[in-house]
Amino acid sequence: KNGLRGLGFDTGVSETPITPVMMGDSATAARFSQRLFDEGIFAQPVVYPTVALDKARIRTIVTAEHSTTQLDRCLEAFGKVGRELGLVTG
């Protein structure tokens, strides 16, 4: 969660292993999810009607099975895609 916030993403207020990465609209969330998949990262979008129209997000979850290397790779992909789509500047 700290790594995602450090990149400039809004991770909401979740206190569970499930961390939302707020995207805003459904189209952005879908595009972001597809680009992550292209980068080898599987993270599902959660869009309307599951959430409000302007509250679309990417659903992430970290488990004890993830290695530090995998988590670093994930953060790298989130940063790359976030910059490509203009969601973060860092």
N, C-alpha and C. Protein backbone atom coordinates (compact mmCIF):
# COMPACT_ATOMS: atom_id res chain seq x y z
N LYS A 1 0.83 -1.19 0.00
CA LYS A 1 0.00 0.00 0.00
C LYS A 1 0.87 1.25 0.00
N ASN A 2 1.93 1.22 0.80
CA ASN A 2 2.82 2.37 0.84
C ASN A 2 3.50 2.60 -0.50
N GLY A 3 3.88 1.51 -1.17
CA GLY A 3 4.52 1.65 -2.48
C GLY A 3 3.59 2.27 -3.50
N LEU A 4 2.34 1.85 -3.51
CA LEU A 4 1.36 2.42 -4.44
C LEU A 4 1.11 3.88 -4.12
N ARG A 5 0.96 4.20 -2.84
CA ARG A 5 0.76 5.60 -2.45
C ARG A 5 1.99 6.43 -2.81
N GLY A 6 3.17 5.84 -2.63
CA GLY A 6 4.41 6.54 -2.98
C GLY A 6 4.50 6.88 -4.46
N LEU A 7 3.86 6.08 -5.29
CA LEU A 7 3.81 6.37 -6.73
C LEU A 7 2.79 7.45 -7.06
N GLY A 8 1.90 7.75 -6.10
CA GLY A 8 0.89 8.78 -6.32
C GLY A 8 -0.52 8.26 -6.48
N PHE A 9 -0.72 6.96 -6.25
CA PHE A 9 -2.05 6.38 -6.38
C PHE A 9 -2.85 6.57 -5.09
N ASP A 10 -4.17 6.70 -5.26
CA ASP A 10 -5.11 6.75 -4.14
C ASP A 10 -5.50 5.31 -3.85
N THR A 11 -5.18 4.81 -2.64
CA THR A 11 -5.50 3.44 -2.28
C THR A 11 -6.66 3.36 -1.30
N GLY A 12 -7.41 4.41 -1.16
CA GLY A 12 -8.58 4.37 -0.30
C GLY A 12 -8.21 4.17 1.16
N VAL A 13 -9.12 3.57 1.92
CA VAL A 13 -8.93 3.41 3.35
C VAL A 13 -9.00 1.94 3.78
N SER A 14 -8.78 1.02 2.91
CA SER A 14 -8.85 -0.40 3.21
C SER A 14 -7.81 -0.79 4.27
N GLU A 15 -8.25 -1.59 5.22
CA GLU A 15 -7.34 -2.11 6.25
C GLU A 15 -7.23 -3.63 6.13
N THR A 16 -7.52 -4.15 4.96
CA THR A 16 -7.43 -5.58 4.70
C THR A 16 -6.35 -5.82 3.65
N PRO A 17 -6.03 -7.07 3.35
CA PRO A 17 -5.06 -7.33 2.28
C PRO A 17 -5.54 -6.84 0.91
N ILE A 18 -6.86 -6.66 0.75
CA ILE A 18 -7.38 -6.13 -0.52
C ILE A 18 -7.16 -4.63 -0.54
N THR A 19 -6.43 -4.18 -1.54
CA THR A 19 -6.14 -2.75 -1.66
C THR A 19 -6.73 -2.22 -2.95
N PRO A 20 -7.69 -1.30 -2.86
CA PRO A 20 -8.22 -0.69 -4.07
C PRO A 20 -7.25 0.39 -4.58
N VAL A 21 -7.10 0.45 -5.87
CA VAL A 21 -6.33 1.53 -6.49
C VAL A 21 -7.35 2.30 -7.31
N MET A 22 -7.71 3.47 -6.81
CA MET A 22 -8.81 4.22 -7.38
C MET A 22 -8.45 4.76 -8.77
N MET A 23 -9.36 4.55 -9.72
CA MET A 23 -9.15 4.97 -11.10
C MET A 23 -10.12 6.06 -11.53
N GLY A 24 -11.28 6.12 -10.89
CA GLY A 24 -12.30 7.09 -11.31
C GLY A 24 -13.32 6.42 -12.20
N ASP A 25 -13.20 6.60 -13.51
CA ASP A 25 -14.20 6.06 -14.42
C ASP A 25 -13.88 4.63 -14.86
N SER A 26 -14.92 3.94 -15.29
CA SER A 26 -14.81 2.53 -15.66
C SER A 26 -13.88 2.30 -16.85
N ALA A 27 -13.91 3.19 -17.83
CA ALA A 27 -13.06 3.02 -19.01
C ALA A 27 -11.58 3.08 -18.63
N THR A 28 -11.23 3.99 -17.75
CA THR A 28 -9.84 4.10 -17.30
C THR A 28 -9.43 2.85 -16.55
N ALA A 29 -10.30 2.35 -15.68
CA ALA A 29 -9.99 1.14 -14.92
C ALA A 29 -9.79 -0.05 -15.85
N ALA A 30 -10.64 -0.18 -16.84
CA ALA A 30 -10.52 -1.30 -17.79
C ALA A 30 -9.23 -1.18 -18.60
N ARG A 31 -8.92 0.02 -19.06
CA ARG A 31 -7.69 0.26 -19.83
C ARG A 31 -6.46 -0.03 -18.96
N PHE A 32 -6.48 0.44 -17.72
CA PHE A 32 -5.37 0.23 -16.80
C PHE A 32 -5.16 -1.26 -16.55
N SER A 33 -6.25 -1.99 -16.29
CA SER A 33 -6.16 -3.42 -16.06
C SER A 33 -5.57 -4.15 -17.27
N GLN A 34 -6.01 -3.78 -18.47
CA GLN A 34 -5.49 -4.42 -19.68
C GLN A 34 -4.01 -4.12 -19.86
N ARG A 35 -3.60 -2.90 -19.62
CA ARG A 35 -2.18 -2.55 -19.75
C ARG A 35 -1.33 -3.28 -18.71
N LEU A 36 -1.86 -3.44 -17.48
CA LEU A 36 -1.14 -4.23 -16.48
C LEU A 36 -0.98 -5.66 -16.98
N PHE A 37 -2.04 -6.23 -17.53
CA PHE A 37 -1.98 -7.59 -18.06
C PHE A 37 -0.92 -7.69 -19.15
N ASP A 38 -0.86 -6.68 -20.01
CA ASP A 38 0.18 -6.64 -21.05
C ASP A 38 1.58 -6.66 -20.44
N GLU A 39 1.71 -6.10 -19.24
CA GLU A 39 2.98 -6.03 -18.53
C GLU A 39 3.21 -7.26 -17.65
N GLY A 40 2.29 -8.23 -17.70
CA GLY A 40 2.44 -9.45 -16.93
C GLY A 40 1.88 -9.42 -15.53
N ILE A 41 1.02 -8.44 -15.25
CA ILE A 41 0.42 -8.29 -13.93
C ILE A 41 -1.10 -8.49 -14.07
N PHE A 42 -1.66 -9.38 -13.25
CA PHE A 42 -3.10 -9.62 -13.28
C PHE A 42 -3.74 -8.86 -12.14
N ALA A 43 -4.56 -7.88 -12.46
CA ALA A 43 -5.29 -7.09 -11.46
C ALA A 43 -6.61 -6.68 -12.11
N GLN A 44 -7.69 -7.12 -11.51
CA GLN A 44 -9.01 -6.91 -12.07
C GLN A 44 -9.57 -5.51 -11.81
N PRO A 45 -10.28 -4.95 -12.80
CA PRO A 45 -10.99 -3.70 -12.55
C PRO A 45 -12.32 -3.99 -11.85
N VAL A 46 -12.74 -3.09 -11.00
CA VAL A 46 -14.06 -3.15 -10.38
C VAL A 46 -14.78 -1.90 -10.85
N VAL A 47 -15.85 -2.10 -11.61
CA VAL A 47 -16.52 -0.99 -12.28
C VAL A 47 -18.02 -0.99 -11.98
N TYR A 48 -18.71 0.04 -12.45
CA TYR A 48 -20.15 0.16 -12.33
C TYR A 48 -20.82 -1.06 -12.98
N PRO A 49 -21.81 -1.67 -12.38
CA PRO A 49 -22.61 -1.25 -11.24
C PRO A 49 -22.11 -1.78 -9.89
N THR A 50 -20.98 -2.46 -9.86
CA THR A 50 -20.46 -2.95 -8.58
C THR A 50 -20.08 -1.80 -7.67
N VAL A 51 -19.56 -0.73 -8.26
CA VAL A 51 -19.24 0.50 -7.53
C VAL A 51 -19.89 1.66 -8.27
N ALA A 52 -19.94 2.83 -7.65
CA ALA A 52 -20.52 4.01 -8.29
C ALA A 52 -19.77 4.35 -9.58
N LEU A 53 -20.44 5.06 -10.48
CA LEU A 53 -19.87 5.40 -11.78
C LEU A 53 -18.48 6.03 -11.68
N ASP A 54 -18.27 6.89 -10.72
CA ASP A 54 -17.00 7.61 -10.62
C ASP A 54 -16.05 7.00 -9.59
N LYS A 55 -16.31 5.76 -9.18
CA LYS A 55 -15.49 5.11 -8.15
C LYS A 55 -14.84 3.81 -8.65
N ALA A 56 -14.63 3.69 -9.95
CA ALA A 56 -13.99 2.49 -10.50
C ALA A 56 -12.58 2.37 -9.92
N ARG A 57 -12.14 1.13 -9.80
CA ARG A 57 -10.84 0.88 -9.18
C ARG A 57 -10.23 -0.40 -9.72
N ILE A 58 -8.96 -0.57 -9.44
CA ILE A 58 -8.27 -1.82 -9.68
C ILE A 58 -8.19 -2.52 -8.33
N ARG A 59 -8.53 -3.79 -8.30
CA ARG A 59 -8.51 -4.55 -7.06
C ARG A 59 -7.19 -5.30 -6.98
N THR A 60 -6.43 -5.05 -5.93
CA THR A 60 -5.17 -5.76 -5.70
C THR A 60 -5.24 -6.47 -4.36
N ILE A 61 -4.47 -7.52 -4.25
CA ILE A 61 -4.35 -8.23 -2.97
C ILE A 61 -2.94 -8.80 -2.88
N VAL A 62 -2.32 -8.58 -1.74
CA VAL A 62 -0.99 -9.11 -1.47
C VAL A 62 -1.14 -10.25 -0.47
N THR A 63 -0.47 -11.36 -0.75
CA THR A 63 -0.49 -12.49 0.18
C THR A 63 0.95 -12.86 0.56
N ALA A 64 1.06 -13.74 1.53
CA ALA A 64 2.38 -14.20 1.97
C ALA A 64 3.11 -14.98 0.88
N GLU A 65 2.40 -15.40 -0.14
CA GLU A 65 3.01 -16.13 -1.26
C GLU A 65 3.76 -15.22 -2.23
N HIS A 66 3.50 -13.93 -2.18
CA HIS A 66 4.20 -12.99 -3.06
C HIS A 66 5.60 -12.72 -2.53
N SER A 67 6.57 -12.76 -3.42
CA SER A 67 7.95 -12.45 -3.04
C SER A 67 8.18 -10.95 -3.15
N THR A 68 9.23 -10.49 -2.51
CA THR A 68 9.61 -9.08 -2.63
C THR A 68 9.88 -8.73 -4.08
N THR A 69 10.49 -9.63 -4.81
CA THR A 69 10.76 -9.41 -6.24
C THR A 69 9.46 -9.22 -7.02
N GLN A 70 8.46 -10.06 -6.74
CA GLN A 70 7.18 -9.93 -7.42
C GLN A 70 6.50 -8.61 -7.08
N LEU A 71 6.55 -8.23 -5.81
CA LEU A 71 5.93 -6.97 -5.41
C LEU A 71 6.62 -5.78 -6.04
N ASP A 72 7.95 -5.82 -6.10
CA ASP A 72 8.69 -4.75 -6.76
C ASP A 72 8.33 -4.67 -8.24
N ARG A 73 8.20 -5.82 -8.91
CA ARG A 73 7.82 -5.86 -10.32
C ARG A 73 6.43 -5.27 -10.53
N CYS A 74 5.53 -5.59 -9.60
CA CYS A 74 4.17 -5.06 -9.67
C CYS A 74 4.17 -3.54 -9.54
N LEU A 75 4.91 -3.03 -8.57
CA LEU A 75 4.98 -1.58 -8.40
C LEU A 75 5.58 -0.91 -9.63
N GLU A 76 6.58 -1.55 -10.22
CA GLU A 76 7.19 -1.01 -11.44
C GLU A 76 6.15 -0.91 -12.55
N ALA A 77 5.33 -1.96 -12.71
CA ALA A 77 4.30 -1.96 -13.75
C ALA A 77 3.22 -0.92 -13.46
N PHE A 78 2.79 -0.82 -12.20
CA PHE A 78 1.80 0.18 -11.84
C PHE A 78 2.32 1.58 -12.16
N GLY A 79 3.58 1.84 -11.83
CA GLY A 79 4.16 3.15 -12.12
C GLY A 79 4.22 3.43 -13.60
N LYS A 80 4.68 2.46 -14.37
CA LYS A 80 4.79 2.62 -15.82
C LYS A 80 3.43 2.91 -16.45
N VAL A 81 2.44 2.07 -16.13
CA VAL A 81 1.11 2.24 -16.71
C VAL A 81 0.46 3.52 -16.20
N GLY A 82 0.64 3.82 -14.93
CA GLY A 82 0.08 5.05 -14.38
C GLY A 82 0.61 6.29 -15.07
N ARG A 83 1.90 6.28 -15.39
CA ARG A 83 2.48 7.42 -16.12
C ARG A 83 1.97 7.46 -17.55
N GLU A 84 1.88 6.31 -18.20
CA GLU A 84 1.37 6.25 -19.59
C GLU A 84 -0.03 6.83 -19.70
N LEU A 85 -0.86 6.52 -18.71
CA LEU A 85 -2.24 6.96 -18.75
C LEU A 85 -2.47 8.31 -18.06
N GLY A 86 -1.39 8.92 -17.61
CA GLY A 86 -1.50 10.25 -16.99
C GLY A 86 -2.13 10.27 -15.62
N LEU A 87 -2.09 9.14 -14.93
CA LEU A 87 -2.69 9.06 -13.59
C LEU A 87 -1.72 9.43 -12.48
N VAL A 88 -0.44 9.27 -12.73
CA VAL A 88 0.59 9.65 -11.76
C VAL A 88 1.72 10.34 -12.52
N THR A 89 2.49 11.11 -11.81
CA THR A 89 3.59 11.82 -12.47
C THR A 89 4.95 11.30 -12.03
N GLY A 90 4.99 10.60 -10.88
CA GLY A 90 6.26 10.14 -10.32
C GLY A 90 6.87 8.97 -10.99
